[in-house]
Amino acid sequence: MENQLKLIGGRIEETRKVLEISVEEMAKVTGVTPEEYLAHERGDVDHSFTFIYHCAERFGVDTSAL
């Protein structure tokens, strides 16, 4: 499970960087602090469906892409 969290977090981080979206904006979009958002990107915390949904919506991709 931990490996899956890191894989998802890595895809989220990579997509955010490619789209040149700031950590602060993504934190606001997902309703967490910037520190909590970065913990998601590192795979240190479990991603709720709501978190993944908001990321995918902002990135303009399907949730399954993450």
PDB file of N, CA and C in Angstrom:
ATOM      1  N   MET A   1       0.822  -1.193   0.000  1.00  0.00           N
ATOM      2  CA  MET A   1       0.000   0.000   0.000  1.00  0.00           C
ATOM      3  C   MET A   1       0.863   1.253   0.000  1.00  0.00           C
ATOM      4  N   GLU A   2       1.931   1.240   0.806  1.00  0.00           N
ATOM      5  CA  GLU A   2       2.799   2.419   0.882  1.00  0.00           C
ATOM      6  C   GLU A   2       3.387   2.753  -0.485  1.00  0.00           C
ATOM      7  N   ASN A   3       3.759   1.724  -1.234  1.00  0.00           N
ATOM      8  CA  ASN A   3       4.307   1.940  -2.567  1.00  0.00           C
ATOM      9  C   ASN A   3       3.274   2.596  -3.487  1.00  0.00           C
ATOM     10  N   GLN A   4       2.012   2.174  -3.368  1.00  0.00           N
ATOM     11  CA  GLN A   4       0.936   2.766  -4.169  1.00  0.00           C
ATOM     12  C   GLN A   4       0.771   4.245  -3.844  1.00  0.00           C
ATOM     13  N   LEU A   5       0.847   4.593  -2.557  1.00  0.00           N
ATOM     14  CA  LEU A   5       0.717   5.993  -2.153  1.00  0.00           C
ATOM     15  C   LEU A   5       1.823   6.831  -2.775  1.00  0.00           C
ATOM     16  N   LYS A   6       3.031   6.292  -2.800  1.00  0.00           N
ATOM     17  CA  LYS A   6       4.164   7.019  -3.376  1.00  0.00           C
ATOM     18  C   LYS A   6       4.014   7.151  -4.901  1.00  0.00           C
ATOM     19  N   LEU A   7       3.496   6.107  -5.554  1.00  0.00           N
ATOM     20  CA  LEU A   7       3.280   6.168  -7.004  1.00  0.00           C
ATOM     21  C   LEU A   7       2.244   7.218  -7.362  1.00  0.00           C
ATOM     22  N   ILE A   8       1.137   7.232  -6.632  1.00  0.00           N
ATOM     23  CA  ILE A   8       0.084   8.218  -6.893  1.00  0.00           C
ATOM     24  C   ILE A   8       0.608   9.616  -6.606  1.00  0.00           C
ATOM     25  N   GLY A   9       1.274   9.771  -5.468  1.00  0.00           N
ATOM     26  CA  GLY A   9       1.840  11.071  -5.114  1.00  0.00           C
ATOM     27  C   GLY A   9       2.816  11.563  -6.161  1.00  0.00           C
ATOM     28  N   GLY A  10       3.629  10.658  -6.694  1.00  0.00           N
ATOM     29  CA  GLY A  10       4.583  11.023  -7.732  1.00  0.00           C
ATOM     30  C   GLY A  10       3.908  11.481  -9.008  1.00  0.00           C
ATOM     31  N   ARG A  11       2.811  10.802  -9.378  1.00  0.00           N
ATOM     32  CA  ARG A  11       2.070  11.214 -10.576  1.00  0.00           C
ATOM     33  C   ARG A  11       1.432  12.581 -10.374  1.00  0.00           C
ATOM     34  N   ILE A  12       0.922  12.824  -9.168  1.00  0.00           N
ATOM     35  CA  ILE A  12       0.330  14.127  -8.875  1.00  0.00           C
ATOM     36  C   ILE A  12       1.394  15.213  -8.946  1.00  0.00           C
ATOM     37  N   GLU A  13       2.541  14.961  -8.330  1.00  0.00           N
ATOM     38  CA  GLU A  13       3.628  15.953  -8.347  1.00  0.00           C
ATOM     39  C   GLU A  13       4.110  16.235  -9.763  1.00  0.00           C
ATOM     40  N   GLU A  14       4.319  15.174 -10.532  1.00  0.00           N
ATOM     41  CA  GLU A  14       4.804  15.334 -11.906  1.00  0.00           C
ATOM     42  C   GLU A  14       3.806  16.136 -12.749  1.00  0.00           C
ATOM     43  N   THR A  15       2.531  15.830 -12.627  1.00  0.00           N
ATOM     44  CA  THR A  15       1.505  16.540 -13.397  1.00  0.00           C
ATOM     45  C   THR A  15       1.449  18.008 -12.998  1.00  0.00           C
ATOM     46  N   ARG A  16       1.506  18.264 -11.686  1.00  0.00           N
ATOM     47  CA  ARG A  16       1.479  19.652 -11.211  1.00  0.00           C
ATOM     48  C   ARG A  16       2.649  20.443 -11.780  1.00  0.00           C
ATOM     49  N   LYS A  17       3.831  19.848 -11.780  1.00  0.00           N
ATOM     50  CA  LYS A  17       5.020  20.543 -12.282  1.00  0.00           C
ATOM     51  C   LYS A  17       4.943  20.779 -13.789  1.00  0.00           C
ATOM     52  N   VAL A  18       4.469  19.783 -14.534  1.00  0.00           N
ATOM     53  CA  VAL A  18       4.331  19.925 -15.985  1.00  0.00           C
ATOM     54  C   VAL A  18       3.368  21.057 -16.316  1.00  0.00           C
ATOM     55  N   LEU A  19       2.292  21.159 -15.539  1.00  0.00           N
ATOM     56  CA  LEU A  19       1.289  22.195 -15.780  1.00  0.00           C
ATOM     57  C   LEU A  19       1.655  23.528 -15.126  1.00  0.00           C
ATOM     58  N   GLU A  20       2.784  23.547 -14.429  1.00  0.00           N
ATOM     59  CA  GLU A  20       3.289  24.756 -13.768  1.00  0.00           C
ATOM     60  C   GLU A  20       2.263  25.357 -12.798  1.00  0.00           C
ATOM     61  N   ILE A  21       1.734  24.490 -11.945  1.00  0.00           N
ATOM     62  CA  ILE A  21       0.779  24.896 -10.918  1.00  0.00           C
ATOM     63  C   ILE A  21       1.520  24.895  -9.587  1.00  0.00           C
ATOM     64  N   SER A  22       1.310  25.934  -8.810  1.00  0.00           N
ATOM     65  CA  SER A  22       2.023  26.043  -7.533  1.00  0.00           C
ATOM     66  C   SER A  22       1.440  25.104  -6.481  1.00  0.00           C
ATOM     67  N   VAL A  23       2.278  24.779  -5.512  1.00  0.00           N
ATOM     68  CA  VAL A  23       1.833  23.987  -4.367  1.00  0.00           C
ATOM     69  C   VAL A  23       0.705  24.715  -3.641  1.00  0.00           C
ATOM     70  N   GLU A  24       0.843  26.025  -3.507  1.00  0.00           N
ATOM     71  CA  GLU A  24      -0.166  26.813  -2.811  1.00  0.00           C
ATOM     72  C   GLU A  24      -1.530  26.721  -3.493  1.00  0.00           C
ATOM     73  N   GLU A  25      -1.535  26.799  -4.835  1.00  0.00           N
ATOM     74  CA  GLU A  25      -2.802  26.696  -5.562  1.00  0.00           C
ATOM     75  C   GLU A  25      -3.424  25.319  -5.369  1.00  0.00           C
ATOM     76  N   MET A  26      -2.608  24.276  -5.460  1.00  0.00           N
ATOM     77  CA  MET A  26      -3.133  22.923  -5.298  1.00  0.00           C
ATOM     78  C   MET A  26      -3.636  22.687  -3.884  1.00  0.00           C
ATOM     79  N   ALA A  27      -2.965  23.272  -2.905  1.00  0.00           N
ATOM     80  CA  ALA A  27      -3.428  23.148  -1.523  1.00  0.00           C
ATOM     81  C   ALA A  27      -4.804  23.777  -1.381  1.00  0.00           C
ATOM     82  N   LYS A  28      -4.973  24.934  -1.991  1.00  0.00           N
ATOM     83  CA  LYS A  28      -6.262  25.628  -1.937  1.00  0.00           C
ATOM     84  C   LYS A  28      -7.350  24.810  -2.640  1.00  0.00           C
ATOM     85  N   VAL A  29      -7.026  24.273  -3.812  1.00  0.00           N
ATOM     86  CA  VAL A  29      -7.974  23.478  -4.599  1.00  0.00           C
ATOM     87  C   VAL A  29      -8.413  22.225  -3.839  1.00  0.00           C
ATOM     88  N   THR A  30      -7.468  21.612  -3.122  1.00  0.00           N
ATOM     89  CA  THR A  30      -7.756  20.356  -2.435  1.00  0.00           C
ATOM     90  C   THR A  30      -8.203  20.549  -0.988  1.00  0.00           C
ATOM     91  N   GLY A  31      -8.160  21.786  -0.501  1.00  0.00           N
ATOM     92  CA  GLY A  31      -8.653  22.065   0.843  1.00  0.00           C
ATOM     93  C   GLY A  31      -7.739  21.642   1.975  1.00  0.00           C
ATOM     94  N   VAL A  32      -6.427  21.630   1.701  1.00  0.00           N
ATOM     95  CA  VAL A  32      -5.450  21.285   2.738  1.00  0.00           C
ATOM     96  C   VAL A  32      -4.394  22.378   2.804  1.00  0.00           C
ATOM     97  N   THR A  33      -3.539  22.308   3.800  1.00  0.00           N
ATOM     98  CA  THR A  33      -2.440  23.268   3.884  1.00  0.00           C
ATOM     99  C   THR A  33      -1.371  22.887   2.874  1.00  0.00           C
ATOM    100  N   PRO A  34      -0.493  23.819   2.508  1.00  0.00           N
ATOM    101  CA  PRO A  34       0.607  23.455   1.602  1.00  0.00           C
ATOM    102  C   PRO A  34       1.465  22.305   2.148  1.00  0.00           C
ATOM    103  N   GLU A  35       1.675  22.276   3.459  1.00  0.00           N
ATOM    104  CA  GLU A  35       2.461  21.197   4.064  1.00  0.00           C
ATOM    105  C   GLU A  35       1.762  19.850   3.914  1.00  0.00           C
ATOM    106  N   GLU A  36       0.441  19.850   4.130  1.00  0.00           N
ATOM    107  CA  GLU A  36      -0.326  18.611   3.961  1.00  0.00           C
ATOM    108  C   GLU A  36      -0.330  18.178   2.492  1.00  0.00           C
ATOM    109  N   TYR A  37      -0.448  19.152   1.601  1.00  0.00           N
ATOM    110  CA  TYR A  37      -0.435  18.827   0.176  1.00  0.00           C
ATOM    111  C   TYR A  37       0.885  18.153  -0.208  1.00  0.00           C
ATOM    112  N   LEU A  38       2.000  18.712   0.266  1.00  0.00           N
ATOM    113  CA  LEU A  38       3.312  18.129  -0.043  1.00  0.00           C
ATOM    114  C   LEU A  38       3.444  16.728   0.543  1.00  0.00           C
ATOM    115  N   ALA A  39       2.838  16.481   1.695  1.00  0.00           N
ATOM    116  CA  ALA A  39       2.844  15.134   2.273  1.00  0.00           C
ATOM    117  C   ALA A  39       2.129  14.155   1.339  1.00  0.00           C
ATOM    118  N   HIS A  40       1.075  14.617   0.674  1.00  0.00           N
ATOM    119  CA  HIS A  40       0.381  13.778  -0.313  1.00  0.00           C
ATOM    120  C   HIS A  40       1.306  13.481  -1.489  1.00  0.00           C
ATOM    121  N   GLU A  41       2.004  14.493  -1.985  1.00  0.00           N
ATOM    122  CA  GLU A  41       2.909  14.281  -3.118  1.00  0.00           C
ATOM    123  C   GLU A  41       4.028  13.296  -2.765  1.00  0.00           C
ATOM    124  N   ARG A  42       4.494  13.332  -1.529  1.00  0.00           N
ATOM    125  CA  ARG A  42       5.557  12.409  -1.092  1.00  0.00           C
ATOM    126  C   ARG A  42       5.016  11.006  -0.836  1.00  0.00           C
ATOM    127  N   GLY A  43       3.702  10.873  -0.740  1.00  0.00           N
ATOM    128  CA  GLY A  43       3.110   9.573  -0.441  1.00  0.00           C
ATOM    129  C   GLY A  43       3.164   9.242   1.033  1.00  0.00           C
ATOM    130  N   ASP A  44       3.282  10.262   1.873  1.00  0.00           N
ATOM    131  CA  ASP A  44       3.362  10.054   3.319  1.00  0.00           C
ATOM    132  C   ASP A  44       1.993   9.848   3.963  1.00  0.00           C
ATOM    133  N   VAL A  45       0.927  10.226   3.267  1.00  0.00           N
ATOM    134  CA  VAL A  45      -0.436  10.088   3.796  1.00  0.00           C
ATOM    135  C   VAL A  45      -1.330   9.435   2.752  1.00  0.00           C
ATOM    136  N   ASP A  46      -2.403   8.832   3.229  1.00  0.00           N
ATOM    137  CA  ASP A  46      -3.361   8.191   2.329  1.00  0.00           C
ATOM    138  C   ASP A  46      -4.177   9.261   1.609  1.00  0.00           C
ATOM    139  N   HIS A  47      -4.409   9.051   0.328  1.00  0.00           N
ATOM    140  CA  HIS A  47      -5.146  10.003  -0.495  1.00  0.00           C
ATOM    141  C   HIS A  47      -6.627   9.639  -0.477  1.00  0.00           C
ATOM    142  N   SER A  48      -7.460  10.572  -0.061  1.00  0.00           N
ATOM    143  CA  SER A  48      -8.907  10.328  -0.139  1.00  0.00           C
ATOM    144  C   SER A  48      -9.332  10.468  -1.597  1.00  0.00           C
ATOM    145  N   PHE A  49     -10.482   9.880  -1.922  1.00  0.00           N
ATOM    146  CA  PHE A  49     -10.977  10.027  -3.285  1.00  0.00           C
ATOM    147  C   PHE A  49     -11.229  11.493  -3.589  1.00  0.00           C
ATOM    148  N   THR A  50     -11.720  12.231  -2.600  1.00  0.00           N
ATOM    149  CA  THR A  50     -11.999  13.656  -2.796  1.00  0.00           C
ATOM    150  C   THR A  50     -10.727  14.409  -3.162  1.00  0.00           C
ATOM    151  N   PHE A  51      -9.632  14.103  -2.483  1.00  0.00           N
ATOM    152  CA  PHE A  51      -8.349  14.751  -2.786  1.00  0.00           C
ATOM    153  C   PHE A  51      -7.943  14.454  -4.234  1.00  0.00           C
ATOM    154  N   ILE A  52      -7.991  13.198  -4.613  1.00  0.00           N
ATOM    155  CA  ILE A  52      -7.606  12.800  -5.979  1.00  0.00           C
ATOM    156  C   ILE A  52      -8.552  13.431  -7.003  1.00  0.00           C
ATOM    157  N   TYR A  53      -9.837  13.452  -6.695  1.00  0.00           N
ATOM    158  CA  TYR A  53     -10.813  14.049  -7.598  1.00  0.00           C
ATOM    159  C   TYR A  53     -10.500  15.521  -7.851  1.00  0.00           C
ATOM    160  N   HIS A  54     -10.224  16.273  -6.784  1.00  0.00           N
ATOM    161  CA  HIS A  54      -9.933  17.699  -6.942  1.00  0.00           C
ATOM    162  C   HIS A  54      -8.631  17.922  -7.716  1.00  0.00           C
ATOM    163  N   CYS A  55      -7.640  17.075  -7.486  1.00  0.00           N
ATOM    164  CA  CYS A  55      -6.399  17.181  -8.265  1.00  0.00           C
ATOM    165  C   CYS A  55      -6.689  16.938  -9.741  1.00  0.00           C
ATOM    166  N   ALA A  56      -7.381  15.851 -10.032  1.00  0.00           N
ATOM    167  CA  ALA A  56      -7.680  15.498 -11.421  1.00  0.00           C
ATOM    168  C   ALA A  56      -8.499  16.593 -12.101  1.00  0.00           C
ATOM    169  N   GLU A  57      -9.474  17.123 -11.381  1.00  0.00           N
ATOM    170  CA  GLU A  57     -10.310  18.190 -11.950  1.00  0.00           C
ATOM    171  C   GLU A  57      -9.458  19.401 -12.307  1.00  0.00           C
ATOM    172  N   ARG A  58      -8.560  19.804 -11.408  1.00  0.00           N
ATOM    173  CA  ARG A  58      -7.702  20.971 -11.671  1.00  0.00           C
ATOM    174  C   ARG A  58      -6.744  20.700 -12.820  1.00  0.00           C
ATOM    175  N   PHE A  59      -6.239  19.455 -12.904  1.00  0.00           N
ATOM    176  CA  PHE A  59      -5.297  19.107 -13.963  1.00  0.00           C
ATOM    177  C   PHE A  59      -5.986  18.879 -15.306  1.00  0.00           C
ATOM    178  N   GLY A  60      -7.306  18.703 -15.282  1.00  0.00           N
ATOM    179  CA  GLY A  60      -8.030  18.444 -16.521  1.00  0.00           C
ATOM    180  C   GLY A  60      -7.839  17.013 -17.023  1.00  0.00           C
ATOM    181  N   VAL A  61      -7.692  16.078 -16.077  1.00  0.00           N
ATOM    182  CA  VAL A  61      -7.521  14.664 -16.439  1.00  0.00           C
ATOM    183  C   VAL A  61      -8.544  13.830 -15.697  1.00  0.00           C
ATOM    184  N   ASP A  62      -8.718  12.598 -16.120  1.00  0.00           N
ATOM    185  CA  ASP A  62      -9.586  11.660 -15.442  1.00  0.00           C
ATOM    186  C   ASP A  62      -8.888  11.177 -14.164  1.00  0.00           C
ATOM    187  N   THR A  63      -9.668  10.855 -13.150  1.00  0.00           N
ATOM    188  CA  THR A  63      -9.071  10.387 -11.900  1.00  0.00           C
ATOM    189  C   THR A  63      -8.203   9.146 -12.098  1.00  0.00           C
ATOM    190  N   SER A  64      -8.551   8.322 -13.070  1.00  0.00           N
ATOM    191  CA  SER A  64      -7.765   7.103 -13.307  1.00  0.00           C
ATOM    192  C   SER A  64      -6.358   7.398 -13.827  1.00  0.00           C
ATOM    193  N   ALA A  65      -6.132   8.605 -14.320  1.00  0.00           N
ATOM    194  CA  ALA A  65      -4.796   8.995 -14.791  1.00  0.00           C
ATOM    195  C   ALA A  65      -3.831   9.185 -13.638  1.00  0.00           C
ATOM    196  N   LEU A  66      -4.390   9.415 -12.457  1.00  0.00           N
ATOM    197  CA  LEU A  66      -3.555   9.622 -11.283  1.00  0.00           C
ATOM    198  C   LEU A  66      -3.383   8.334 -10.514  1.00  0.00           C
TER     199      LEU A  66
END
